[in-house]
Amino acid sequence: MKKIIIILLGLVCTTVSFAQKERKFVREGNSYYAEGLKDTTKLDTISFGKAEVAYRRALQLKPDDFHWQFNLANSLYKQNKPDQSASEFEKLAEKATIPAEKSMVYHNMGNSLLAQKKFDPSIDSYKKALRITPNDPETKYNLAYAMKMKQKDQEQKQKDKDKEKQDNKDQNKDKDKQDQNKDQQDQNKDQQNKDQQNKDQEQKQQPQNKISKQNAEQMLQALENDEKQTQEKVKKAQALKAERIKVEKNW
């Protein structure tokens, strides 16, 4: 009987010790979280990081505690880790049973999704929150803001698309102009080559057709000499003939 009492007392002490440690970590987490909220001009990721560590330690002692999980997700969001916080809020949305708490989870999950520019999922989360608490002014404002951001994003994408299309059109125009200039340059080059070939051909033909002054004089002198020789031959032939005729007469 004494052994049983001792064991029971040991279990009670252990439970009390765990509870004290859990509360200690939660108090630390809350303290660091509050410290991070003091300066609204900057994001105190160091304080929120310490809060995350403290909440995780508390959850090691009490893994299913909704509030500590909720605070952990918030501390992740405050460290600019919206992807991780959205994942944590999604888990909480499945296990939350109290309507007010479930609405808060959907609201904060919408914030985490909006921070990632996931507009449609964030809008859906805000709508789920408003189905539970229809008159929540913050959720209404965030829903309107998310819808506005979605519209601006779509308009910007359309502008970017139109600009890309116009840039491609301008590039095609420039390319066509460059091609035309290249074709014109090629034509000019072909004409220049053709003109040069004609000029070279003319230069090759000129020496054959053109006679220098010296050559002309030499040719003229040769013709004159030939003429003289021809005349002398004719005279000699005539004289010989005359002699023959004379001889024949005298005979």
C-alpha atoms as a PDB file:
ATOM      1  CA  MET A   1       0.000   0.000   0.000  1.00  0.00           C
ATOM      2  CA  LYS A   2       2.823   2.373   0.782  1.00  0.00           C
ATOM      3  CA  LYS A   3       4.494   1.681  -2.596  1.00  0.00           C
ATOM      4  CA  ILE A   4       1.299   2.558  -4.422  1.00  0.00           C
ATOM      5  CA  ILE A   5       1.009   5.809  -2.534  1.00  0.00           C
ATOM      6  CA  ILE A   6       4.596   6.688  -3.378  1.00  0.00           C
ATOM      7  CA  ILE A   7       4.038   5.992  -7.055  1.00  0.00           C
ATOM      8  CA  LEU A   8       0.888   8.074  -7.096  1.00  0.00           C
ATOM      9  CA  LEU A   9       2.655  10.918  -5.405  1.00  0.00           C
ATOM     10  CA  GLY A  10       5.457  10.662  -7.950  1.00  0.00           C
ATOM     11  CA  LEU A  11       2.974  10.935 -10.832  1.00  0.00           C
ATOM     12  CA  VAL A  12       1.364  13.987  -9.291  1.00  0.00           C
ATOM     13  CA  CYS A  13       4.730  15.660  -8.851  1.00  0.00           C
ATOM     14  CA  THR A  14       5.725  14.904 -12.418  1.00  0.00           C
ATOM     15  CA  THR A  15       2.443  16.307 -13.779  1.00  0.00           C
ATOM     16  CA  VAL A  16       2.816  19.433 -11.706  1.00  0.00           C
ATOM     17  CA  SER A  17       6.414  19.836 -12.907  1.00  0.00           C
ATOM     18  CA  PHE A  18       5.373  19.507 -16.560  1.00  0.00           C
ATOM     19  CA  ALA A  19       2.564  21.995 -16.060  1.00  0.00           C
ATOM     20  CA  GLN A  20       4.935  24.475 -14.442  1.00  0.00           C
ATOM     21  CA  LYS A  21       7.427  24.138 -17.294  1.00  0.00           C
ATOM     22  CA  GLU A  22       4.661  24.487 -19.860  1.00  0.00           C
ATOM     23  CA  ARG A  23       3.372  27.669 -18.242  1.00  0.00           C
ATOM     24  CA  LYS A  24       6.924  28.954 -17.961  1.00  0.00           C
ATOM     25  CA  PHE A  25       7.541  28.495 -21.702  1.00  0.00           C
ATOM     26  CA  VAL A  26       4.185  30.022 -22.539  1.00  0.00           C
ATOM     27  CA  ARG A  27       4.898  33.044 -20.357  1.00  0.00           C
ATOM     28  CA  GLU A  28       8.271  33.438 -22.048  1.00  0.00           C
ATOM     29  CA  GLY A  29       6.674  33.156 -25.469  1.00  0.00           C
ATOM     30  CA  ASN A  30       4.012  35.712 -24.632  1.00  0.00           C
ATOM     31  CA  SER A  31       6.637  38.049 -23.210  1.00  0.00           C
ATOM     32  CA  TYR A  32       8.825  37.841 -26.328  1.00  0.00           C
ATOM     33  CA  TYR A  33       5.764  38.236 -28.548  1.00  0.00           C
ATOM     34  CA  ALA A  34       4.691  41.379 -26.693  1.00  0.00           C
ATOM     35  CA  GLU A  35       8.249  42.695 -26.936  1.00  0.00           C
ATOM     36  CA  GLY A  36       8.140  42.254 -30.698  1.00  0.00           C
ATOM     37  CA  LEU A  37       4.927  44.286 -30.947  1.00  0.00           C
ATOM     38  CA  LYS A  38       6.323  47.331 -29.139  1.00  0.00           C
ATOM     39  CA  ASP A  39       8.104  48.933 -32.068  1.00  0.00           C
ATOM     40  CA  THR A  40       5.540  49.258 -34.857  1.00  0.00           C
ATOM     41  CA  THR A  41       8.040  50.949 -37.204  1.00  0.00           C
ATOM     42  CA  LYS A  42       9.993  47.755 -37.879  1.00  0.00           C
ATOM     43  CA  LEU A  43       9.628  43.988 -37.811  1.00  0.00           C
ATOM     44  CA  ASP A  44      11.333  42.589 -34.711  1.00  0.00           C
ATOM     45  CA  THR A  45      12.078  39.117 -36.052  1.00  0.00           C
ATOM     46  CA  ILE A  46      14.461  38.411 -33.160  1.00  0.00           C
ATOM     47  CA  SER A  47      11.789  38.750 -30.470  1.00  0.00           C
ATOM     48  CA  PHE A  48       9.218  36.834 -32.510  1.00  0.00           C
ATOM     49  CA  GLY A  49      11.835  34.157 -33.172  1.00  0.00           C
ATOM     50  CA  LYS A  50      12.392  33.740 -29.441  1.00  0.00           C
ATOM     51  CA  ALA A  51       8.638  33.546 -28.964  1.00  0.00           C
ATOM     52  CA  GLU A  52       8.470  30.765 -31.558  1.00  0.00           C
ATOM     53  CA  VAL A  53      11.113  28.758 -29.689  1.00  0.00           C
ATOM     54  CA  ALA A  54       9.280  29.162 -26.385  1.00  0.00           C
ATOM     55  CA  TYR A  55       5.916  28.103 -27.868  1.00  0.00           C
ATOM     56  CA  ARG A  56       7.499  25.047 -29.449  1.00  0.00           C
ATOM     57  CA  ARG A  57       8.925  24.044 -26.076  1.00  0.00           C
ATOM     58  CA  ALA A  58       5.486  24.405 -24.527  1.00  0.00           C
ATOM     59  CA  LEU A  59       3.982  22.275 -27.291  1.00  0.00           C
ATOM     60  CA  GLN A  60       6.514  19.540 -26.608  1.00  0.00           C
ATOM     61  CA  LEU A  61       4.913  19.245 -23.187  1.00  0.00           C
ATOM     62  CA  LYS A  62       1.351  19.727 -24.453  1.00  0.00           C
ATOM     63  CA  PRO A  63       1.276  18.988 -28.212  1.00  0.00           C
ATOM     64  CA  ASP A  64      -2.475  19.393 -28.748  1.00  0.00           C
ATOM     65  CA  ASP A  65      -2.950  22.743 -27.054  1.00  0.00           C
ATOM     66  CA  PHE A  66      -4.901  24.939 -29.483  1.00  0.00           C
ATOM     67  CA  HIS A  67      -3.811  28.264 -28.018  1.00  0.00           C
ATOM     68  CA  TRP A  68      -0.095  27.520 -28.066  1.00  0.00           C
ATOM     69  CA  GLN A  69      -0.370  26.303 -31.673  1.00  0.00           C
ATOM     70  CA  PHE A  70      -2.268  29.477 -32.554  1.00  0.00           C
ATOM     71  CA  ASN A  71       0.423  31.631 -30.938  1.00  0.00           C
ATOM     72  CA  LEU A  72       3.142  29.635 -32.705  1.00  0.00           C
ATOM     73  CA  ALA A  73       1.483  30.276 -36.074  1.00  0.00           C
ATOM     74  CA  ASN A  74       1.235  33.986 -35.276  1.00  0.00           C
ATOM     75  CA  SER A  75       4.904  34.162 -34.296  1.00  0.00           C
ATOM     76  CA  LEU A  76       5.847  32.564 -37.624  1.00  0.00           C
ATOM     77  CA  TYR A  77       3.725  35.109 -39.488  1.00  0.00           C
ATOM     78  CA  LYS A  78       5.391  37.951 -37.586  1.00  0.00           C
ATOM     79  CA  GLN A  79       8.803  36.651 -38.696  1.00  0.00           C
ATOM     80  CA  ASN A  80       7.751  37.093 -42.315  1.00  0.00           C
ATOM     81  CA  LYS A  81       7.286  33.344 -42.815  1.00  0.00           C
ATOM     82  CA  PRO A  82       3.775  33.381 -44.289  1.00  0.00           C
ATOM     83  CA  ASP A  83       4.128  29.994 -45.981  1.00  0.00           C
ATOM     84  CA  GLN A  84       4.854  28.277 -42.654  1.00  0.00           C
ATOM     85  CA  SER A  85       2.204  30.203 -40.743  1.00  0.00           C
ATOM     86  CA  ALA A  86      -0.427  29.404 -43.414  1.00  0.00           C
ATOM     87  CA  SER A  87       0.379  25.711 -43.022  1.00  0.00           C
ATOM     88  CA  GLU A  88      -0.032  25.928 -39.238  1.00  0.00           C
ATOM     89  CA  PHE A  89      -3.345  27.833 -39.507  1.00  0.00           C
ATOM     90  CA  GLU A  90      -4.642  25.257 -41.969  1.00  0.00           C
ATOM     91  CA  LYS A  91      -4.008  22.516 -39.419  1.00  0.00           C
ATOM     92  CA  LEU A  92      -5.756  24.561 -36.729  1.00  0.00           C
ATOM     93  CA  ALA A  93      -8.784  25.181 -38.958  1.00  0.00           C
ATOM     94  CA  GLU A  94      -9.388  21.438 -39.142  1.00  0.00           C
ATOM     95  CA  LYS A  95      -9.270  20.918 -35.383  1.00  0.00           C
ATOM     96  CA  ALA A  96     -10.930  24.151 -34.127  1.00  0.00           C
ATOM     97  CA  THR A  97     -14.383  23.528 -32.627  1.00  0.00           C
ATOM     98  CA  ILE A  98     -15.274  26.877 -31.064  1.00  0.00           C
ATOM     99  CA  PRO A  99     -16.777  29.164 -33.774  1.00  0.00           C
ATOM    100  CA  ALA A 100     -15.004  32.341 -32.627  1.00  0.00           C
ATOM    101  CA  GLU A 101     -11.646  30.550 -32.601  1.00  0.00           C
ATOM    102  CA  LYS A 102     -12.281  29.000 -36.002  1.00  0.00           C
ATOM    103  CA  SER A 103     -13.119  32.438 -37.420  1.00  0.00           C
ATOM    104  CA  MET A 104      -9.856  33.846 -36.019  1.00  0.00           C
ATOM    105  CA  VAL A 105      -7.923  30.986 -37.636  1.00  0.00           C
ATOM    106  CA  TYR A 106      -9.494  31.642 -41.055  1.00  0.00           C
ATOM    107  CA  HIS A 107      -8.852  35.376 -40.679  1.00  0.00           C
ATOM    108  CA  ASN A 108      -5.150  34.871 -39.897  1.00  0.00           C
ATOM    109  CA  MET A 109      -4.792  32.200 -42.561  1.00  0.00           C
ATOM    110  CA  GLY A 110      -6.182  34.736 -45.035  1.00  0.00           C
ATOM    111  CA  ASN A 111      -3.469  37.181 -43.943  1.00  0.00           C
ATOM    112  CA  SER A 112      -0.752  34.559 -44.429  1.00  0.00           C
ATOM    113  CA  LEU A 113      -2.023  33.691 -47.914  1.00  0.00           C
ATOM    114  CA  LEU A 114      -2.402  37.341 -48.892  1.00  0.00           C
ATOM    115  CA  ALA A 115       1.201  38.000 -47.856  1.00  0.00           C
ATOM    116  CA  GLN A 116       2.194  35.388 -50.476  1.00  0.00           C
ATOM    117  CA  LYS A 117      -0.017  37.114 -53.095  1.00  0.00           C
ATOM    118  CA  LYS A 118      -2.244  34.048 -53.209  1.00  0.00           C
ATOM    119  CA  PHE A 119      -5.290  36.206 -53.737  1.00  0.00           C
ATOM    120  CA  ASP A 120      -8.010  33.646 -54.446  1.00  0.00           C
ATOM    121  CA  PRO A 121      -7.166  31.383 -51.455  1.00  0.00           C
ATOM    122  CA  SER A 122      -6.903  34.409 -49.145  1.00  0.00           C
ATOM    123  CA  ILE A 123     -10.296  35.724 -50.334  1.00  0.00           C
ATOM    124  CA  ASP A 124     -11.770  32.275 -49.709  1.00  0.00           C
ATOM    125  CA  SER A 125     -10.347  32.227 -46.152  1.00  0.00           C
ATOM    126  CA  TYR A 126     -11.799  35.664 -45.330  1.00  0.00           C
ATOM    127  CA  LYS A 127     -15.194  34.560 -46.654  1.00  0.00           C
ATOM    128  CA  LYS A 128     -15.105  31.462 -44.446  1.00  0.00           C
ATOM    129  CA  ALA A 129     -14.333  33.665 -41.447  1.00  0.00           C
ATOM    130  CA  LEU A 130     -17.232  35.997 -42.287  1.00  0.00           C
ATOM    131  CA  ARG A 131     -19.662  33.091 -42.566  1.00  0.00           C
ATOM    132  CA  ILE A 132     -18.946  32.464 -38.889  1.00  0.00           C
ATOM    133  CA  THR A 133     -18.675  36.090 -37.733  1.00  0.00           C
ATOM    134  CA  PRO A 134     -20.446  38.164 -40.428  1.00  0.00           C
ATOM    135  CA  ASN A 135     -20.006  41.511 -38.690  1.00  0.00           C
ATOM    136  CA  ASP A 136     -16.240  41.365 -38.076  1.00  0.00           C
ATOM    137  CA  PRO A 137     -14.991  44.735 -39.415  1.00  0.00           C
ATOM    138  CA  GLU A 138     -11.335  43.690 -39.732  1.00  0.00           C
ATOM    139  CA  THR A 139     -12.182  40.617 -41.783  1.00  0.00           C
ATOM    140  CA  LYS A 140     -14.487  42.688 -44.002  1.00  0.00           C
ATOM    141  CA  TYR A 141     -11.724  45.235 -44.554  1.00  0.00           C
ATOM    142  CA  ASN A 142      -9.131  42.541 -45.337  1.00  0.00           C
ATOM    143  CA  LEU A 143     -11.520  40.836 -47.766  1.00  0.00           C
ATOM    144  CA  ALA A 144     -12.092  44.101 -49.636  1.00  0.00           C
ATOM    145  CA  TYR A 145      -8.355  44.791 -49.639  1.00  0.00           C
ATOM    146  CA  ALA A 146      -7.542  41.310 -50.983  1.00  0.00           C
ATOM    147  CA  MET A 147     -10.100  41.727 -53.781  1.00  0.00           C
ATOM    148  CA  LYS A 148      -8.624  45.116 -54.677  1.00  0.00           C
ATOM    149  CA  MET A 149      -5.089  43.709 -54.718  1.00  0.00           C
ATOM    150  CA  LYS A 150      -6.259  40.873 -56.952  1.00  0.00           C
ATOM    151  CA  GLN A 151      -7.747  43.375 -59.405  1.00  0.00           C
ATOM    152  CA  LYS A 152      -4.562  45.457 -59.437  1.00  0.00           C
ATOM    153  CA  ASP A 153      -2.497  42.327 -59.983  1.00  0.00           C
ATOM    154  CA  GLN A 154      -4.648  41.311 -62.932  1.00  0.00           C
ATOM    155  CA  GLU A 155      -4.423  44.795 -64.433  1.00  0.00           C
ATOM    156  CA  GLN A 156      -0.650  44.808 -64.007  1.00  0.00           C
ATOM    157  CA  LYS A 157      -0.351  41.390 -65.633  1.00  0.00           C
ATOM    158  CA  GLN A 158      -2.465  42.630 -68.552  1.00  0.00           C
ATOM    159  CA  LYS A 159      -0.246  45.709 -68.885  1.00  0.00           C
ATOM    160  CA  ASP A 160       2.848  43.543 -68.820  1.00  0.00           C
ATOM    161  CA  LYS A 161       1.296  41.273 -71.429  1.00  0.00           C
ATOM    162  CA  ASP A 162       0.381  44.225 -73.668  1.00  0.00           C
ATOM    163  CA  LYS A 163       3.851  45.720 -73.230  1.00  0.00           C
ATOM    164  CA  GLU A 164       5.481  42.412 -74.104  1.00  0.00           C
ATOM    165  CA  LYS A 165       3.291  42.160 -77.188  1.00  0.00           C
ATOM    166  CA  GLN A 166       4.175  45.734 -78.209  1.00  0.00           C
ATOM    167  CA  ASP A 167       7.873  45.103 -77.572  1.00  0.00           C
ATOM    168  CA  ASN A 168       7.730  41.997 -79.751  1.00  0.00           C
ATOM    169  CA  LYS A 169       5.952  44.005 -82.433  1.00  0.00           C
ATOM    170  CA  ASP A 170       8.583  46.748 -82.282  1.00  0.00           C
ATOM    171  CA  GLN A 171      11.343  44.174 -82.387  1.00  0.00           C
ATOM    172  CA  ASN A 172       9.778  42.614 -85.472  1.00  0.00           C
ATOM    173  CA  LYS A 173       9.560  46.047 -87.095  1.00  0.00           C
ATOM    174  CA  ASP A 174      13.202  46.715 -86.293  1.00  0.00           C
ATOM    175  CA  LYS A 175      14.128  43.300 -87.625  1.00  0.00           C
ATOM    176  CA  ASP A 176      12.192  43.901 -90.841  1.00  0.00           C
ATOM    177  CA  LYS A 177      13.877  47.275 -91.226  1.00  0.00           C
ATOM    178  CA  GLN A 178      17.276  45.724 -90.610  1.00  0.00           C
ATOM    179  CA  ASP A 179      16.502  43.032 -93.165  1.00  0.00           C
ATOM    180  CA  GLN A 180      15.448  45.665 -95.698  1.00  0.00           C
ATOM    181  CA  ASN A 181      18.618  47.647 -95.053  1.00  0.00           C
ATOM    182  CA  LYS A 182      20.653  44.476 -95.407  1.00  0.00           C
ATOM    183  CA  ASP A 183      18.917  43.629 -98.684  1.00  0.00           C
ATOM    184  CA  GLN A 184      19.565  47.145 -99.954  1.00  0.00           C
ATOM    185  CA  GLN A 185      23.193  46.905 -98.909  1.00  0.00           C
ATOM    186  CA  ASP A 186      23.485  43.550-100.652  1.00  0.00           C
ATOM    187  CA  GLN A 187      21.951  45.018-103.810  1.00  0.00           C
ATOM    188  CA  ASN A 188      24.316  47.984-103.669  1.00  0.00           C
ATOM    189  CA  LYS A 189      27.221  45.662-103.154  1.00  0.00           C
ATOM    190  CA  ASP A 190      26.135  43.488-106.093  1.00  0.00           C
ATOM    191  CA  GLN A 191      25.829  46.585-108.281  1.00  0.00           C
ATOM    192  CA  GLN A 192      29.260  47.767-107.181  1.00  0.00           C
ATOM    193  CA  ASN A 193      30.705  44.357-107.987  1.00  0.00           C
ATOM    194  CA  LYS A 194      28.994  44.403-111.363  1.00  0.00           C
ATOM    195  CA  ASP A 195      30.261  47.895-112.132  1.00  0.00           C
ATOM    196  CA  GLN A 196      33.749  46.865-111.101  1.00  0.00           C
ATOM    197  CA  GLN A 197      33.581  43.794-113.335  1.00  0.00           C
ATOM    198  CA  ASN A 198      32.457  45.945-116.278  1.00  0.00           C
ATOM    199  CA  LYS A 199      35.271  48.379-115.603  1.00  0.00           C
ATOM    200  CA  ASP A 200      37.796  45.568-115.417  1.00  0.00           C
ATOM    201  CA  GLN A 201      36.466  44.147-118.655  1.00  0.00           C
ATOM    202  CA  GLU A 202      36.787  47.515-120.373  1.00  0.00           C
ATOM    203  CA  GLN A 203      40.316  47.871-119.104  1.00  0.00           C
ATOM    204  CA  LYS A 204      41.185  44.450-120.493  1.00  0.00           C
ATOM    205  CA  GLN A 205      39.717  45.324-123.901  1.00  0.00           C
ATOM    206  CA  GLN A 206      41.380  48.731-124.204  1.00  0.00           C
ATOM    207  CA  PRO A 207      44.955  47.517-124.867  1.00  0.00           C
ATOM    208  CA  GLN A 208      43.676  45.384-127.747  1.00  0.00           C
ATOM    209  CA  ASN A 209      41.805  48.236-129.495  1.00  0.00           C
ATOM    210  CA  LYS A 210      43.983  51.215-128.679  1.00  0.00           C
ATOM    211  CA  ILE A 211      47.142  51.892-130.774  1.00  0.00           C
ATOM    212  CA  SER A 212      49.878  54.078-129.452  1.00  0.00           C
ATOM    213  CA  LYS A 213      51.254  56.959-131.547  1.00  0.00           C
ATOM    214  CA  GLN A 214      54.569  55.232-131.986  1.00  0.00           C
ATOM    215  CA  ASN A 215      52.937  52.050-133.235  1.00  0.00           C
ATOM    216  CA  ALA A 216      50.761  54.041-135.629  1.00  0.00           C
ATOM    217  CA  GLU A 217      53.820  55.796-137.089  1.00  0.00           C
ATOM    218  CA  GLN A 218      55.626  52.507-137.448  1.00  0.00           C
ATOM    219  CA  MET A 219      52.637  50.968-139.191  1.00  0.00           C
ATOM    220  CA  LEU A 220      52.350  53.991-141.508  1.00  0.00           C
ATOM    221  CA  GLN A 221      56.048  53.842-142.334  1.00  0.00           C
ATOM    222  CA  ALA A 222      55.737  50.151-143.088  1.00  0.00           C
ATOM    223  CA  LEU A 223      52.825  50.813-145.385  1.00  0.00           C
ATOM    224  CA  GLU A 224      54.775  53.546-147.176  1.00  0.00           C
ATOM    225  CA  ASN A 225      57.744  51.224-147.599  1.00  0.00           C
ATOM    226  CA  ASP A 226      55.505  48.536-148.966  1.00  0.00           C
ATOM    227  CA  GLU A 227      53.984  51.061-151.326  1.00  0.00           C
ATOM    228  CA  LYS A 228      57.414  52.177-152.591  1.00  0.00           C
ATOM    229  CA  GLN A 229      58.528  48.627-153.073  1.00  0.00           C
ATOM    230  CA  THR A 230      55.337  47.861-154.917  1.00  0.00           C
ATOM    231  CA  GLN A 231      55.785  50.898-157.173  1.00  0.00           C
ATOM    232  CA  GLU A 232      59.385  49.991-157.914  1.00  0.00           C
ATOM    233  CA  LYS A 233      58.353  46.488-158.822  1.00  0.00           C
ATOM    234  CA  VAL A 234      55.660  47.868-161.102  1.00  0.00           C
ATOM    235  CA  LYS A 235      58.173  50.243-162.773  1.00  0.00           C
ATOM    236  CA  LYS A 236      60.662  47.457-163.254  1.00  0.00           C
ATOM    237  CA  ALA A 237      57.965  45.267-164.709  1.00  0.00           C
ATOM    238  CA  GLN A 238      56.860  48.018-167.042  1.00  0.00           C
ATOM    239  CA  ALA A 239      60.436  48.767-168.114  1.00  0.00           C
ATOM    240  CA  LEU A 240      61.112  45.137-168.778  1.00  0.00           C
ATOM    241  CA  LYS A 241      57.958  44.875-170.795  1.00  0.00           C
ATOM    242  CA  ALA A 242      58.858  47.971-172.746  1.00  0.00           C
ATOM    243  CA  GLU A 243      62.256  46.562-173.576  1.00  0.00           C
ATOM    244  CA  ARG A 244      60.706  43.353-174.688  1.00  0.00           C
ATOM    245  CA  ILE A 245      58.288  45.172-176.872  1.00  0.00           C
ATOM    246  CA  LYS A 246      61.047  47.316-178.348  1.00  0.00           C
ATOM    247  CA  VAL A 247      63.204  44.360-179.047  1.00  0.00           C
ATOM    248  CA  GLU A 248      60.437  42.607-180.668  1.00  0.00           C
ATOM    249  CA  LYS A 249      59.760  45.567-182.924  1.00  0.00           C
ATOM    250  CA  ASN A 250      63.352  45.951-183.943  1.00  0.00           C
ATOM    251  CA  TRP A 251      63.607  42.362-184.679  1.00  0.00           C
END
